[in-house]
Amino acid sequence: MARRGFSEDAPRKKPTNVSVDEKLLTAAKAVGINLSQTLEEALAVKLRRLEQERWLEENREAIENHNRYTAKYGVFSDGRRRF
């Protein structure tokens, strides 16, 4: 039985030391920015972008082949579209 408020999928947190520009840190604290949450959000965005870039690079040849084929032969719905 799961404990109240506990999720099997809850991310485990790990304390980490980071170096931050002193002025940025002071300004962030002054306006109540949660540094851990902000770092996690920024890392998630960065990792998602890098994964997208890697996927595009890994699939570049297939995408280019598909685009050449489509440019030459069109798509199956070309004769059926009304726009």
C-alpha atoms as a PDB file:
ATOM      1  CA  MET A   1       0.000   0.000   0.000  1.00  0.00           C
ATOM      2  CA  ALA A   2       1.372   3.400  -0.994  1.00  0.00           C
ATOM      3  CA  ARG A   3       2.000   5.969   1.692  1.00  0.00           C
ATOM      4  CA  ARG A   4      -0.270   8.993   1.702  1.00  0.00           C
ATOM      5  CA  GLY A   5       1.041  11.663  -0.679  1.00  0.00           C
ATOM      6  CA  PHE A   6       3.703   9.346  -2.084  1.00  0.00           C
ATOM      7  CA  SER A   7       3.854   8.455  -5.759  1.00  0.00           C
ATOM      8  CA  GLU A   8       5.894   5.627  -7.234  1.00  0.00           C
ATOM      9  CA  ASP A   9       6.629   7.973 -10.143  1.00  0.00           C
ATOM     10  CA  ALA A  10       7.781  10.905  -8.016  1.00  0.00           C
ATOM     11  CA  PRO A  11      11.225  12.053  -9.141  1.00  0.00           C
ATOM     12  CA  ARG A  12      14.036  11.503  -6.698  1.00  0.00           C
ATOM     13  CA  LYS A  13      15.835  14.700  -5.814  1.00  0.00           C
ATOM     14  CA  LYS A  14      19.593  14.872  -5.439  1.00  0.00           C
ATOM     15  CA  PRO A  15      21.366  17.776  -3.756  1.00  0.00           C
ATOM     16  CA  THR A  16      23.781  19.448  -6.162  1.00  0.00           C
ATOM     17  CA  ASN A  17      26.213  22.318  -5.936  1.00  0.00           C
ATOM     18  CA  VAL A  18      26.133  24.868  -8.725  1.00  0.00           C
ATOM     19  CA  SER A  19      27.892  28.170  -9.237  1.00  0.00           C
ATOM     20  CA  VAL A  20      25.683  31.117 -10.096  1.00  0.00           C
ATOM     21  CA  ASP A  21      26.504  34.726 -10.815  1.00  0.00           C
ATOM     22  CA  GLU A  22      26.139  36.524  -7.491  1.00  0.00           C
ATOM     23  CA  LYS A  23      24.017  39.361  -8.905  1.00  0.00           C
ATOM     24  CA  LEU A  24      21.635  36.928 -10.572  1.00  0.00           C
ATOM     25  CA  LEU A  25      21.333  34.888  -7.387  1.00  0.00           C
ATOM     26  CA  THR A  26      20.608  37.968  -5.285  1.00  0.00           C
ATOM     27  CA  ALA A  27      18.011  39.248  -7.754  1.00  0.00           C
ATOM     28  CA  ALA A  28      16.342  35.832  -8.009  1.00  0.00           C
ATOM     29  CA  LYS A  29      16.105  35.475  -4.246  1.00  0.00           C
ATOM     30  CA  ALA A  30      14.726  39.014  -3.949  1.00  0.00           C
ATOM     31  CA  VAL A  31      11.750  38.161  -6.157  1.00  0.00           C
ATOM     32  CA  GLY A  32      11.215  34.712  -4.681  1.00  0.00           C
ATOM     33  CA  ILE A  33      12.362  32.548  -7.574  1.00  0.00           C
ATOM     34  CA  ASN A  34      12.674  28.876  -6.630  1.00  0.00           C
ATOM     35  CA  LEU A  35      16.142  28.070  -7.929  1.00  0.00           C
ATOM     36  CA  SER A  36      15.728  24.291  -7.909  1.00  0.00           C
ATOM     37  CA  GLN A  37      12.457  24.431  -9.832  1.00  0.00           C
ATOM     38  CA  THR A  38      13.846  26.971 -12.296  1.00  0.00           C
ATOM     39  CA  LEU A  39      16.935  24.842 -12.953  1.00  0.00           C
ATOM     40  CA  GLU A  40      14.816  21.707 -13.450  1.00  0.00           C
ATOM     41  CA  GLU A  41      12.535  23.509 -15.910  1.00  0.00           C
ATOM     42  CA  ALA A  42      15.479  24.961 -17.843  1.00  0.00           C
ATOM     43  CA  LEU A  43      17.219  21.574 -17.975  1.00  0.00           C
ATOM     44  CA  ALA A  44      14.036  19.904 -19.234  1.00  0.00           C
ATOM     45  CA  VAL A  45      13.711  22.476 -22.037  1.00  0.00           C
ATOM     46  CA  LYS A  46      17.387  22.163 -22.990  1.00  0.00           C
ATOM     47  CA  LEU A  47      17.300  18.349 -22.952  1.00  0.00           C
ATOM     48  CA  ARG A  48      14.115  18.275 -25.059  1.00  0.00           C
ATOM     49  CA  ARG A  49      15.709  20.615 -27.629  1.00  0.00           C
ATOM     50  CA  LEU A  50      18.897  18.535 -27.773  1.00  0.00           C
ATOM     51  CA  GLU A  51      16.847  15.342 -28.189  1.00  0.00           C
ATOM     52  CA  GLN A  52      14.908  16.955 -31.062  1.00  0.00           C
ATOM     53  CA  GLU A  53      18.133  18.072 -32.738  1.00  0.00           C
ATOM     54  CA  ARG A  54      19.634  14.593 -32.340  1.00  0.00           C
ATOM     55  CA  TRP A  55      16.488  12.956 -33.762  1.00  0.00           C
ATOM     56  CA  LEU A  56      16.516  15.297 -36.757  1.00  0.00           C
ATOM     57  CA  GLU A  57      20.186  14.549 -37.410  1.00  0.00           C
ATOM     58  CA  GLU A  58      19.663  10.788 -37.086  1.00  0.00           C
ATOM     59  CA  ASN A  59      16.701  10.943 -39.483  1.00  0.00           C
ATOM     60  CA  ARG A  60      17.981  13.629 -41.844  1.00  0.00           C
ATOM     61  CA  GLU A  61      18.548  11.222 -44.749  1.00  0.00           C
ATOM     62  CA  ALA A  62      15.061   9.700 -44.495  1.00  0.00           C
ATOM     63  CA  ILE A  63      13.464  13.144 -44.236  1.00  0.00           C
ATOM     64  CA  GLU A  64      15.376  14.387 -47.287  1.00  0.00           C
ATOM     65  CA  ASN A  65      14.393  11.250 -49.256  1.00  0.00           C
ATOM     66  CA  HIS A  66      10.759  11.713 -48.285  1.00  0.00           C
ATOM     67  CA  ASN A  67      10.835  15.395 -49.277  1.00  0.00           C
ATOM     68  CA  ARG A  68      12.407  14.555 -52.670  1.00  0.00           C
ATOM     69  CA  TYR A  69       9.800  11.850 -53.292  1.00  0.00           C
ATOM     70  CA  THR A  70       6.956  14.187 -52.341  1.00  0.00           C
ATOM     71  CA  ALA A  71       8.339  16.984 -54.521  1.00  0.00           C
ATOM     72  CA  LYS A  72       8.557  14.604 -57.493  1.00  0.00           C
ATOM     73  CA  TYR A  73       5.328  12.598 -57.088  1.00  0.00           C
ATOM     74  CA  GLY A  74       3.178  14.669 -54.731  1.00  0.00           C
ATOM     75  CA  VAL A  75       1.010  13.122 -52.043  1.00  0.00           C
ATOM     76  CA  PHE A  76      -1.908  10.735 -52.398  1.00  0.00           C
ATOM     77  CA  SER A  77      -4.506  13.421 -51.636  1.00  0.00           C
ATOM     78  CA  ASP A  78      -3.341  15.976 -54.211  1.00  0.00           C
ATOM     79  CA  GLY A  79      -6.279  15.250 -56.535  1.00  0.00           C
ATOM     80  CA  ARG A  80      -8.823  15.184 -53.719  1.00  0.00           C
ATOM     81  CA  ARG A  81      -8.058  18.377 -51.790  1.00  0.00           C
ATOM     82  CA  ARG A  82     -10.526  21.257 -52.112  1.00  0.00           C
ATOM     83  CA  PHE A  83      -8.247  23.978 -50.767  1.00  0.00           C
END
